[in-house]
């Protein structure tokens, strides 16, 4: 008995001749390494289907090409070679290749004052394309921080001033009385602050040989000034309260700070950033966006 040849449906002609811009797979489980850190990731891999007569692409060839990413530290050059392998396995079918990798980068962060430290996760996406022979690399990074509203701080100070007037209008001012008042009933109002997110979409300079995730995160957190903390003692919590009080900002302020910080980075050739302040006063969010070189990119 002769063995039957397995059918190759993808090799059949399409009934509707029409090229497609992107065909592939999303949500592929993939272990990767970034700067030596082993991470669990999800990958979206695809190519264009330029031959409108072709029924489909060979998805298994894309899947198998991703195996190399398990074995080496992830770099732009490694991904470029992977995309070239995508196209090489689809010669005559595809001219453009795409890969998106989504993961959570783990960084250990020290407390502000005490010797404690803890781990923070930073959602990261690596977005790459080899399109018409041109290779582009982009990063998406989410950075959490705390933001205290300047308006609410001013209103709180005014209420404290009014309370001081009411409590000491007909009394002599004694240092001990004022000190006790400040440590007790005097602070009748506090400004509101909220957990906030900076969403950074960055196009890397083509000369960059590695993914500078930690340096970019460090630059963003330094610009914002009040990154959320991990393990803390009371001294750290007090230092964080002080940092928030001396670092009042609207979402517009945060967007401008990040704009200037990213422009100074040699790794960045263009960006589109978005900051979201999850309001504690309102039921809606305050949002600001900023772009640099994004249209030309």
C-alpha atoms as a PDB file:
ATOM      1  CA  UNK A   1       0.000   0.000   0.000  1.00  0.00           C
ATOM      2  CA  UNK A   2       1.455   3.348  -1.048  1.00  0.00           C
ATOM      3  CA  UNK A   3       1.677   6.104   1.560  1.00  0.00           C
ATOM      4  CA  UNK A   4      -0.493   9.084   0.752  1.00  0.00           C
ATOM      5  CA  UNK A   5       1.126  12.489   0.310  1.00  0.00           C
ATOM      6  CA  UNK A   6      -0.010  14.895   2.996  1.00  0.00           C
ATOM      7  CA  UNK A   7      -2.099  17.716   1.535  1.00  0.00           C
ATOM      8  CA  UNK A   8      -0.641  21.247   1.426  1.00  0.00           C
ATOM      9  CA  UNK A   9      -3.729  23.455   1.374  1.00  0.00           C
ATOM     10  CA  UNK A  10      -1.688  26.668   1.750  1.00  0.00           C
ATOM     11  CA  UNK A  11      -0.048  25.967  -1.612  1.00  0.00           C
ATOM     12  CA  UNK A  12      -3.376  26.052  -3.396  1.00  0.00           C
ATOM     13  CA  UNK A  13      -4.476  29.133  -5.281  1.00  0.00           C
ATOM     14  CA  UNK A  14      -6.802  31.593  -3.601  1.00  0.00           C
ATOM     15  CA  UNK A  15     -10.293  31.935  -4.997  1.00  0.00           C
ATOM     16  CA  UNK A  16     -10.038  35.705  -4.456  1.00  0.00           C
ATOM     17  CA  UNK A  17      -6.705  37.090  -5.654  1.00  0.00           C
ATOM     18  CA  UNK A  18      -5.840  39.724  -3.073  1.00  0.00           C
ATOM     19  CA  UNK A  19      -2.550  40.527  -1.291  1.00  0.00           C
ATOM     20  CA  UNK A  20      -2.626  40.883   2.514  1.00  0.00           C
ATOM     21  CA  UNK A  21      -0.504  43.249   4.618  1.00  0.00           C
ATOM     22  CA  UNK A  22      -0.037  40.965   7.657  1.00  0.00           C
ATOM     23  CA  UNK A  23      -0.595  37.261   8.168  1.00  0.00           C
ATOM     24  CA  UNK A  24       0.778  35.263  11.075  1.00  0.00           C
ATOM     25  CA  UNK A  25       0.278  34.214  14.674  1.00  0.00           C
ATOM     26  CA  UNK A  26      -0.326  36.111  17.914  1.00  0.00           C
ATOM     27  CA  UNK A  27       0.282  35.100  21.519  1.00  0.00           C
ATOM     28  CA  UNK A  28       3.054  32.555  20.940  1.00  0.00           C
ATOM     29  CA  UNK A  29       4.592  31.502  24.276  1.00  0.00           C
ATOM     30  CA  UNK A  30       8.321  32.191  24.115  1.00  0.00           C
ATOM     31  CA  UNK A  31      11.125  32.255  26.709  1.00  0.00           C
ATOM     32  CA  UNK A  32      13.623  35.026  26.026  1.00  0.00           C
ATOM     33  CA  UNK A  33      16.683  36.581  27.663  1.00  0.00           C
ATOM     34  CA  UNK A  34      17.316  40.327  27.935  1.00  0.00           C
ATOM     35  CA  UNK A  35      20.663  41.365  29.410  1.00  0.00           C
ATOM     36  CA  UNK A  36      20.997  37.884  30.877  1.00  0.00           C
ATOM     37  CA  UNK A  37      17.572  37.906  32.558  1.00  0.00           C
ATOM     38  CA  UNK A  38      15.377  34.967  31.598  1.00  0.00           C
ATOM     39  CA  UNK A  39      11.806  36.107  30.943  1.00  0.00           C
ATOM     40  CA  UNK A  40       8.495  34.615  29.921  1.00  0.00           C
ATOM     41  CA  UNK A  41       7.159  36.365  26.825  1.00  0.00           C
ATOM     42  CA  UNK A  42       4.423  36.297  24.210  1.00  0.00           C
ATOM     43  CA  UNK A  43       5.287  36.824  20.544  1.00  0.00           C
ATOM     44  CA  UNK A  44       3.284  37.953  17.528  1.00  0.00           C
ATOM     45  CA  UNK A  45       4.982  36.871  14.291  1.00  0.00           C
ATOM     46  CA  UNK A  46       3.841  37.666  10.773  1.00  0.00           C
ATOM     47  CA  UNK A  47       4.729  38.445   7.180  1.00  0.00           C
ATOM     48  CA  UNK A  48       2.996  40.167   4.319  1.00  0.00           C
ATOM     49  CA  UNK A  49       1.275  37.990   1.720  1.00  0.00           C
ATOM     50  CA  UNK A  50       2.238  39.812  -1.475  1.00  0.00           C
ATOM     51  CA  UNK A  51       1.208  37.051  -3.839  1.00  0.00           C
ATOM     52  CA  UNK A  52      -2.531  37.551  -4.019  1.00  0.00           C
ATOM     53  CA  UNK A  53      -2.912  34.243  -5.848  1.00  0.00           C
ATOM     54  CA  UNK A  54      -1.471  32.276  -2.898  1.00  0.00           C
ATOM     55  CA  UNK A  55      -3.957  30.731  -0.479  1.00  0.00           C
ATOM     56  CA  UNK A  56      -1.841  31.420   2.599  1.00  0.00           C
ATOM     57  CA  UNK A  57       1.583  31.503   4.240  1.00  0.00           C
ATOM     58  CA  UNK A  58       3.567  28.759   6.001  1.00  0.00           C
ATOM     59  CA  UNK A  59       2.961  29.640   9.668  1.00  0.00           C
ATOM     60  CA  UNK A  60       4.963  26.697  10.973  1.00  0.00           C
ATOM     61  CA  UNK A  61       8.080  28.159   9.350  1.00  0.00           C
ATOM     62  CA  UNK A  62       7.645  31.362  11.344  1.00  0.00           C
ATOM     63  CA  UNK A  63       7.099  29.379  14.524  1.00  0.00           C
ATOM     64  CA  UNK A  64      10.252  27.322  14.021  1.00  0.00           C
ATOM     65  CA  UNK A  65      12.316  30.420  13.221  1.00  0.00           C
ATOM     66  CA  UNK A  66      11.525  31.778  16.696  1.00  0.00           C
ATOM     67  CA  UNK A  67      13.445  28.916  18.338  1.00  0.00           C
ATOM     68  CA  UNK A  68      16.701  30.818  17.935  1.00  0.00           C
ATOM     69  CA  UNK A  69      15.381  33.584  20.195  1.00  0.00           C
ATOM     70  CA  UNK A  70      15.279  31.070  23.065  1.00  0.00           C
ATOM     71  CA  UNK A  71      18.994  30.377  22.834  1.00  0.00           C
ATOM     72  CA  UNK A  72      20.650  33.812  22.674  1.00  0.00           C
ATOM     73  CA  UNK A  73      20.351  37.139  24.424  1.00  0.00           C
ATOM     74  CA  UNK A  74      17.776  39.254  22.617  1.00  0.00           C
ATOM     75  CA  UNK A  75      19.361  41.994  20.477  1.00  0.00           C
ATOM     76  CA  UNK A  76      18.229  44.031  17.475  1.00  0.00           C
ATOM     77  CA  UNK A  77      20.630  42.120  15.239  1.00  0.00           C
ATOM     78  CA  UNK A  78      19.322  38.737  16.392  1.00  0.00           C
ATOM     79  CA  UNK A  79      15.784  39.841  15.588  1.00  0.00           C
ATOM     80  CA  UNK A  80      16.857  41.196  12.201  1.00  0.00           C
ATOM     81  CA  UNK A  81      18.309  37.800  11.317  1.00  0.00           C
ATOM     82  CA  UNK A  82      15.102  36.135  12.501  1.00  0.00           C
ATOM     83  CA  UNK A  83      12.997  38.371  10.245  1.00  0.00           C
ATOM     84  CA  UNK A  84      15.311  37.640   7.345  1.00  0.00           C
ATOM     85  CA  UNK A  85      14.679  33.956   8.043  1.00  0.00           C
ATOM     86  CA  UNK A  86      10.935  34.673   7.948  1.00  0.00           C
ATOM     87  CA  UNK A  87      11.328  36.131   4.465  1.00  0.00           C
ATOM     88  CA  UNK A  88      13.773  33.491   3.291  1.00  0.00           C
ATOM     89  CA  UNK A  89      11.238  30.799   4.112  1.00  0.00           C
ATOM     90  CA  UNK A  90       8.565  32.726   2.176  1.00  0.00           C
ATOM     91  CA  UNK A  91      10.534  33.586  -0.946  1.00  0.00           C
ATOM     92  CA  UNK A  92       8.160  34.758  -3.636  1.00  0.00           C
ATOM     93  CA  UNK A  93       5.307  35.164  -1.165  1.00  0.00           C
ATOM     94  CA  UNK A  94       6.406  37.919   1.227  1.00  0.00           C
ATOM     95  CA  UNK A  95       8.565  41.032   1.206  1.00  0.00           C
ATOM     96  CA  UNK A  96       7.833  42.355   4.705  1.00  0.00           C
ATOM     97  CA  UNK A  97       8.259  40.676   8.082  1.00  0.00           C
ATOM     98  CA  UNK A  98       7.112  41.646  11.558  1.00  0.00           C
ATOM     99  CA  UNK A  99       7.710  40.567  15.134  1.00  0.00           C
ATOM    100  CA  UNK A 100       6.227  41.845  18.401  1.00  0.00           C
ATOM    101  CA  UNK A 101       7.449  40.530  21.747  1.00  0.00           C
ATOM    102  CA  UNK A 102       5.611  41.322  24.990  1.00  0.00           C
ATOM    103  CA  UNK A 103       7.076  40.645  28.431  1.00  0.00           C
ATOM    104  CA  UNK A 104       7.506  42.025  31.962  1.00  0.00           C
ATOM    105  CA  UNK A 105      11.016  43.179  32.811  1.00  0.00           C
ATOM    106  CA  UNK A 106      11.975  42.595  36.452  1.00  0.00           C
ATOM    107  CA  UNK A 107      14.217  45.155  38.146  1.00  0.00           C
ATOM    108  CA  UNK A 108      15.263  45.211  41.784  1.00  0.00           C
ATOM    109  CA  UNK A 109      14.821  48.692  43.240  1.00  0.00           C
ATOM    110  CA  UNK A 110      16.275  50.047  46.506  1.00  0.00           C
ATOM    111  CA  UNK A 111      14.173  51.864  49.088  1.00  0.00           C
ATOM    112  CA  UNK A 112      14.659  55.616  49.440  1.00  0.00           C
ATOM    113  CA  UNK A 113      16.322  55.587  52.867  1.00  0.00           C
ATOM    114  CA  UNK A 114      16.441  52.131  54.474  1.00  0.00           C
ATOM    115  CA  UNK A 115      18.559  49.209  53.192  1.00  0.00           C
ATOM    116  CA  UNK A 116      15.451  47.391  51.933  1.00  0.00           C
ATOM    117  CA  UNK A 117      14.922  46.549  48.263  1.00  0.00           C
ATOM    118  CA  UNK A 118      12.238  44.862  46.213  1.00  0.00           C
ATOM    119  CA  UNK A 119      11.313  43.789  42.706  1.00  0.00           C
ATOM    120  CA  UNK A 120       9.237  45.835  40.281  1.00  0.00           C
ATOM    121  CA  UNK A 121       7.794  44.728  36.972  1.00  0.00           C
ATOM    122  CA  UNK A 122       7.822  46.957  33.916  1.00  0.00           C
ATOM    123  CA  UNK A 123       5.576  45.908  31.011  1.00  0.00           C
ATOM    124  CA  UNK A 124       7.737  45.985  27.875  1.00  0.00           C
ATOM    125  CA  UNK A 125       7.083  45.369  24.195  1.00  0.00           C
ATOM    126  CA  UNK A 126       9.712  45.053  21.463  1.00  0.00           C
ATOM    127  CA  UNK A 127       8.221  45.934  18.065  1.00  0.00           C
ATOM    128  CA  UNK A 128      10.306  45.256  14.967  1.00  0.00           C
ATOM    129  CA  UNK A 129       9.681  45.194  11.242  1.00  0.00           C
ATOM    130  CA  UNK A 130      11.695  44.513   8.119  1.00  0.00           C
ATOM    131  CA  UNK A 131       9.697  46.388   5.514  1.00  0.00           C
ATOM    132  CA  UNK A 132      10.847  46.995   1.947  1.00  0.00           C
ATOM    133  CA  UNK A 133      14.376  46.218   3.103  1.00  0.00           C
ATOM    134  CA  UNK A 134      14.296  48.805   5.925  1.00  0.00           C
ATOM    135  CA  UNK A 135      14.677  47.589   9.521  1.00  0.00           C
ATOM    136  CA  UNK A 136      12.913  49.463  12.340  1.00  0.00           C
ATOM    137  CA  UNK A 137      13.046  48.780  16.081  1.00  0.00           C
ATOM    138  CA  UNK A 138      10.613  50.270  18.582  1.00  0.00           C
ATOM    139  CA  UNK A 139      10.101  49.794  22.308  1.00  0.00           C
ATOM    140  CA  UNK A 140       7.033  50.259  24.468  1.00  0.00           C
ATOM    141  CA  UNK A 141       7.654  50.662  28.193  1.00  0.00           C
ATOM    142  CA  UNK A 142       5.221  51.408  31.024  1.00  0.00           C
ATOM    143  CA  UNK A 143       6.631  53.242  34.061  1.00  0.00           C
ATOM    144  CA  UNK A 144       4.506  53.718  37.195  1.00  0.00           C
ATOM    145  CA  UNK A 145       4.945  56.788  39.410  1.00  0.00           C
ATOM    146  CA  UNK A 146       3.120  58.922  41.961  1.00  0.00           C
ATOM    147  CA  UNK A 147       1.849  62.398  41.131  1.00  0.00           C
ATOM    148  CA  UNK A 148       0.545  65.032  43.549  1.00  0.00           C
ATOM    149  CA  UNK A 149      -1.805  67.681  42.169  1.00  0.00           C
ATOM    150  CA  UNK A 150      -0.400  71.253  42.497  1.00  0.00           C
ATOM    151  CA  UNK A 151      -3.926  72.681  42.650  1.00  0.00           C
ATOM    152  CA  UNK A 152      -5.008  70.478  45.539  1.00  0.00           C
ATOM    153  CA  UNK A 153      -1.738  71.272  47.357  1.00  0.00           C
ATOM    154  CA  UNK A 154      -2.420  75.013  47.103  1.00  0.00           C
ATOM    155  CA  UNK A 155      -6.009  74.561  48.302  1.00  0.00           C
ATOM    156  CA  UNK A 156      -4.851  72.405  51.230  1.00  0.00           C
ATOM    157  CA  UNK A 157      -2.258  75.042  52.234  1.00  0.00           C
ATOM    158  CA  UNK A 158      -4.951  77.724  52.170  1.00  0.00           C
ATOM    159  CA  UNK A 159      -7.178  75.697  54.495  1.00  0.00           C
ATOM    160  CA  UNK A 160      -4.263  75.176  56.879  1.00  0.00           C
ATOM    161  CA  UNK A 161      -3.566  78.919  56.834  1.00  0.00           C
ATOM    162  CA  UNK A 162      -7.200  79.671  57.602  1.00  0.00           C
ATOM    163  CA  UNK A 163      -7.195  77.161  60.451  1.00  0.00           C
ATOM    164  CA  UNK A 164      -4.078  78.837  61.850  1.00  0.00           C
ATOM    165  CA  UNK A 165      -5.808  82.218  61.751  1.00  0.00           C
ATOM    166  CA  UNK A 166      -8.868  80.790  63.497  1.00  0.00           C
ATOM    167  CA  UNK A 167      -6.884  79.012  66.207  1.00  0.00           C
ATOM    168  CA  UNK A 168      -4.365  81.777  66.969  1.00  0.00           C
ATOM    169  CA  UNK A 169      -6.314  84.954  66.239  1.00  0.00           C
ATOM    170  CA  UNK A 170      -6.459  86.030  69.901  1.00  0.00           C
ATOM    171  CA  UNK A 171      -3.499  84.068  71.287  1.00  0.00           C
ATOM    172  CA  UNK A 172       0.159  84.914  71.689  1.00  0.00           C
ATOM    173  CA  UNK A 173       2.385  82.900  69.380  1.00  0.00           C
ATOM    174  CA  UNK A 174       4.492  80.465  71.355  1.00  0.00           C
ATOM    175  CA  UNK A 175       6.920  78.177  69.599  1.00  0.00           C
ATOM    176  CA  UNK A 176       5.770  75.098  71.513  1.00  0.00           C
ATOM    177  CA  UNK A 177       2.105  75.830  70.778  1.00  0.00           C
ATOM    178  CA  UNK A 178       2.743  76.216  67.058  1.00  0.00           C
ATOM    179  CA  UNK A 179       4.827  73.042  66.978  1.00  0.00           C
ATOM    180  CA  UNK A 180       2.092  71.115  68.731  1.00  0.00           C
ATOM    181  CA  UNK A 181      -0.536  72.595  66.419  1.00  0.00           C
ATOM    182  CA  UNK A 182       1.399  71.535  63.331  1.00  0.00           C
ATOM    183  CA  UNK A 183       1.719  68.001  64.687  1.00  0.00           C
ATOM    184  CA  UNK A 184      -1.949  67.711  65.554  1.00  0.00           C
ATOM    185  CA  UNK A 185      -5.162  69.436  64.562  1.00  0.00           C
ATOM    186  CA  UNK A 186      -3.468  72.107  62.442  1.00  0.00           C
ATOM    187  CA  UNK A 187      -3.098  70.093  59.238  1.00  0.00           C
ATOM    188  CA  UNK A 188      -6.799  70.004  58.414  1.00  0.00           C
ATOM    189  CA  UNK A 189      -6.363  69.169  54.708  1.00  0.00           C
ATOM    190  CA  UNK A 190      -3.946  67.189  52.550  1.00  0.00           C
ATOM    191  CA  UNK A 191      -3.398  67.333  48.772  1.00  0.00           C
ATOM    192  CA  UNK A 192      -4.510  64.387  46.707  1.00  0.00           C
ATOM    193  CA  UNK A 193      -2.064  62.217  44.803  1.00  0.00           C
ATOM    194  CA  UNK A 194      -2.566  59.301  42.465  1.00  0.00           C
ATOM    195  CA  UNK A 195      -0.780  56.357  40.937  1.00  0.00           C
ATOM    196  CA  UNK A 196       0.191  57.379  37.420  1.00  0.00           C
ATOM    197  CA  UNK A 197       1.563  55.638  34.347  1.00  0.00           C
ATOM    198  CA  UNK A 198       4.006  56.868  31.728  1.00  0.00           C
ATOM    199  CA  UNK A 199       3.542  54.943  28.482  1.00  0.00           C
ATOM    200  CA  UNK A 200       6.687  55.350  26.386  1.00  0.00           C
ATOM    201  CA  UNK A 201       6.715  54.391  22.709  1.00  0.00           C
ATOM    202  CA  UNK A 202      10.287  54.801  21.512  1.00  0.00           C
ATOM    203  CA  UNK A 203      11.967  54.299  18.177  1.00  0.00           C
ATOM    204  CA  UNK A 204      15.568  53.244  18.737  1.00  0.00           C
ATOM    205  CA  UNK A 205      18.496  54.766  16.948  1.00  0.00           C
ATOM    206  CA  UNK A 206      19.706  52.339  14.271  1.00  0.00           C
ATOM    207  CA  UNK A 207      23.228  52.290  15.750  1.00  0.00           C
ATOM    208  CA  UNK A 208      22.045  50.812  19.067  1.00  0.00           C
ATOM    209  CA  UNK A 209      23.202  47.202  19.366  1.00  0.00           C
ATOM    210  CA  UNK A 210      21.279  46.249  22.511  1.00  0.00           C
ATOM    211  CA  UNK A 211      17.911  47.036  24.033  1.00  0.00           C
ATOM    212  CA  UNK A 212      18.612  49.813  26.586  1.00  0.00           C
ATOM    213  CA  UNK A 213      15.552  49.053  28.701  1.00  0.00           C
ATOM    214  CA  UNK A 214      16.981  49.666  32.157  1.00  0.00           C
ATOM    215  CA  UNK A 215      18.772  52.931  31.199  1.00  0.00           C
ATOM    216  CA  UNK A 216      15.587  54.275  29.586  1.00  0.00           C
ATOM    217  CA  UNK A 217      13.537  53.332  32.657  1.00  0.00           C
ATOM    218  CA  UNK A 218      16.116  54.955  34.947  1.00  0.00           C
ATOM    219  CA  UNK A 219      16.049  58.159  32.896  1.00  0.00           C
ATOM    220  CA  UNK A 220      12.257  58.272  32.954  1.00  0.00           C
ATOM    221  CA  UNK A 221      12.043  57.673  36.709  1.00  0.00           C
ATOM    222  CA  UNK A 222      14.705  60.287  37.405  1.00  0.00           C
ATOM    223  CA  UNK A 223      12.786  62.832  35.317  1.00  0.00           C
ATOM    224  CA  UNK A 224       9.512  62.085  37.112  1.00  0.00           C
ATOM    225  CA  UNK A 225      11.079  62.050  40.577  1.00  0.00           C
ATOM    226  CA  UNK A 226       8.513  59.909  42.397  1.00  0.00           C
ATOM    227  CA  UNK A 227       8.672  56.352  41.078  1.00  0.00           C
ATOM    228  CA  UNK A 228       6.463  53.932  43.012  1.00  0.00           C
ATOM    229  CA  UNK A 229       8.266  51.965  45.709  1.00  0.00           C
ATOM    230  CA  UNK A 230       8.542  48.307  46.695  1.00  0.00           C
ATOM    231  CA  UNK A 231       9.622  47.289  50.219  1.00  0.00           C
ATOM    232  CA  UNK A 232       9.622  50.252  52.606  1.00  0.00           C
ATOM    233  CA  UNK A 233      10.005  51.160  56.269  1.00  0.00           C
ATOM    234  CA  UNK A 234       8.386  54.192  57.867  1.00  0.00           C
ATOM    235  CA  UNK A 235      11.460  56.280  57.118  1.00  0.00           C
ATOM    236  CA  UNK A 236      11.097  55.411  53.419  1.00  0.00           C
ATOM    237  CA  UNK A 237       7.384  56.257  53.487  1.00  0.00           C
ATOM    238  CA  UNK A 238       8.195  59.613  55.071  1.00  0.00           C
ATOM    239  CA  UNK A 239      10.859  60.276  52.447  1.00  0.00           C
ATOM    240  CA  UNK A 240       8.324  59.408  49.751  1.00  0.00           C
ATOM    241  CA  UNK A 241       5.814  61.837  51.260  1.00  0.00           C
ATOM    242  CA  UNK A 242       8.511  64.513  51.216  1.00  0.00           C
ATOM    243  CA  UNK A 243       9.390  63.748  47.587  1.00  0.00           C
ATOM    244  CA  UNK A 244       5.733  64.033  46.583  1.00  0.00           C
ATOM    245  CA  UNK A 245       5.335  67.310  48.454  1.00  0.00           C
ATOM    246  CA  UNK A 246       8.369  68.804  46.729  1.00  0.00           C
ATOM    247  CA  UNK A 247       7.496  67.333  43.338  1.00  0.00           C
ATOM    248  CA  UNK A 248       4.006  68.625  42.556  1.00  0.00           C
ATOM    249  CA  UNK A 249       2.976  68.035  38.941  1.00  0.00           C
ATOM    250  CA  UNK A 250       0.083  68.058  36.557  1.00  0.00           C
ATOM    251  CA  UNK A 251       0.033  65.509  33.742  1.00  0.00           C
ATOM    252  CA  UNK A 252       1.314  68.302  31.476  1.00  0.00           C
ATOM    253  CA  UNK A 253       4.376  68.719  33.698  1.00  0.00           C
ATOM    254  CA  UNK A 254       5.104  64.986  33.605  1.00  0.00           C
ATOM    255  CA  UNK A 255       4.835  64.870  29.808  1.00  0.00           C
ATOM    256  CA  UNK A 256       7.237  67.799  29.419  1.00  0.00           C
ATOM    257  CA  UNK A 257       9.778  66.291  31.797  1.00  0.00           C
ATOM    258  CA  UNK A 258       9.761  62.989  29.924  1.00  0.00           C
ATOM    259  CA  UNK A 259       9.995  64.770  26.572  1.00  0.00           C
ATOM    260  CA  UNK A 260      13.194  66.525  27.622  1.00  0.00           C
ATOM    261  CA  UNK A 261      14.677  63.381  29.196  1.00  0.00           C
ATOM    262  CA  UNK A 262      14.075  61.191  26.141  1.00  0.00           C
ATOM    263  CA  UNK A 263      15.488  63.816  23.776  1.00  0.00           C
ATOM    264  CA  UNK A 264      18.760  63.685  25.728  1.00  0.00           C
ATOM    265  CA  UNK A 265      19.096  59.912  25.257  1.00  0.00           C
ATOM    266  CA  UNK A 266      21.458  58.779  22.503  1.00  0.00           C
ATOM    267  CA  UNK A 267      19.391  55.609  22.112  1.00  0.00           C
ATOM    268  CA  UNK A 268      16.233  57.459  21.039  1.00  0.00           C
ATOM    269  CA  UNK A 269      15.567  58.698  17.512  1.00  0.00           C
ATOM    270  CA  UNK A 270      11.833  59.378  17.933  1.00  0.00           C
ATOM    271  CA  UNK A 271       9.100  58.891  20.498  1.00  0.00           C
ATOM    272  CA  UNK A 272       5.424  59.181  21.281  1.00  0.00           C
ATOM    273  CA  UNK A 273       4.742  59.324  25.006  1.00  0.00           C
ATOM    274  CA  UNK A 274       1.503  59.325  26.953  1.00  0.00           C
ATOM    275  CA  UNK A 275       1.048  59.967  30.672  1.00  0.00           C
ATOM    276  CA  UNK A 276      -2.085  58.953  32.557  1.00  0.00           C
ATOM    277  CA  UNK A 277      -2.866  60.339  36.007  1.00  0.00           C
ATOM    278  CA  UNK A 278      -5.581  58.105  37.497  1.00  0.00           C
ATOM    279  CA  UNK A 279      -7.387  60.852  39.366  1.00  0.00           C
ATOM    280  CA  UNK A 280      -8.302  60.344  43.016  1.00  0.00           C
ATOM    281  CA  UNK A 281     -10.621  63.384  42.909  1.00  0.00           C
ATOM    282  CA  UNK A 282     -12.429  62.701  39.644  1.00  0.00           C
ATOM    283  CA  UNK A 283     -13.944  59.567  38.159  1.00  0.00           C
ATOM    284  CA  UNK A 284     -11.936  60.189  34.985  1.00  0.00           C
ATOM    285  CA  UNK A 285      -8.211  60.306  34.189  1.00  0.00           C
ATOM    286  CA  UNK A 286      -5.998  63.258  33.298  1.00  0.00           C
ATOM    287  CA  UNK A 287      -3.912  62.515  30.182  1.00  0.00           C
ATOM    288  CA  UNK A 288      -1.167  64.279  28.216  1.00  0.00           C
ATOM    289  CA  UNK A 289       0.753  63.188  25.125  1.00  0.00           C
ATOM    290  CA  UNK A 290       3.930  64.369  23.448  1.00  0.00           C
ATOM    291  CA  UNK A 291       5.765  63.392  20.266  1.00  0.00           C
ATOM    292  CA  UNK A 292       9.204  64.053  18.856  1.00  0.00           C
ATOM    293  CA  UNK A 293      10.289  63.141  15.313  1.00  0.00           C
ATOM    294  CA  UNK A 294       7.354  60.728  15.231  1.00  0.00           C
ATOM    295  CA  UNK A 295       5.913  61.812  11.883  1.00  0.00           C
ATOM    296  CA  UNK A 296       9.285  61.667  10.179  1.00  0.00           C
ATOM    297  CA  UNK A 297      10.051  58.262  11.732  1.00  0.00           C
END
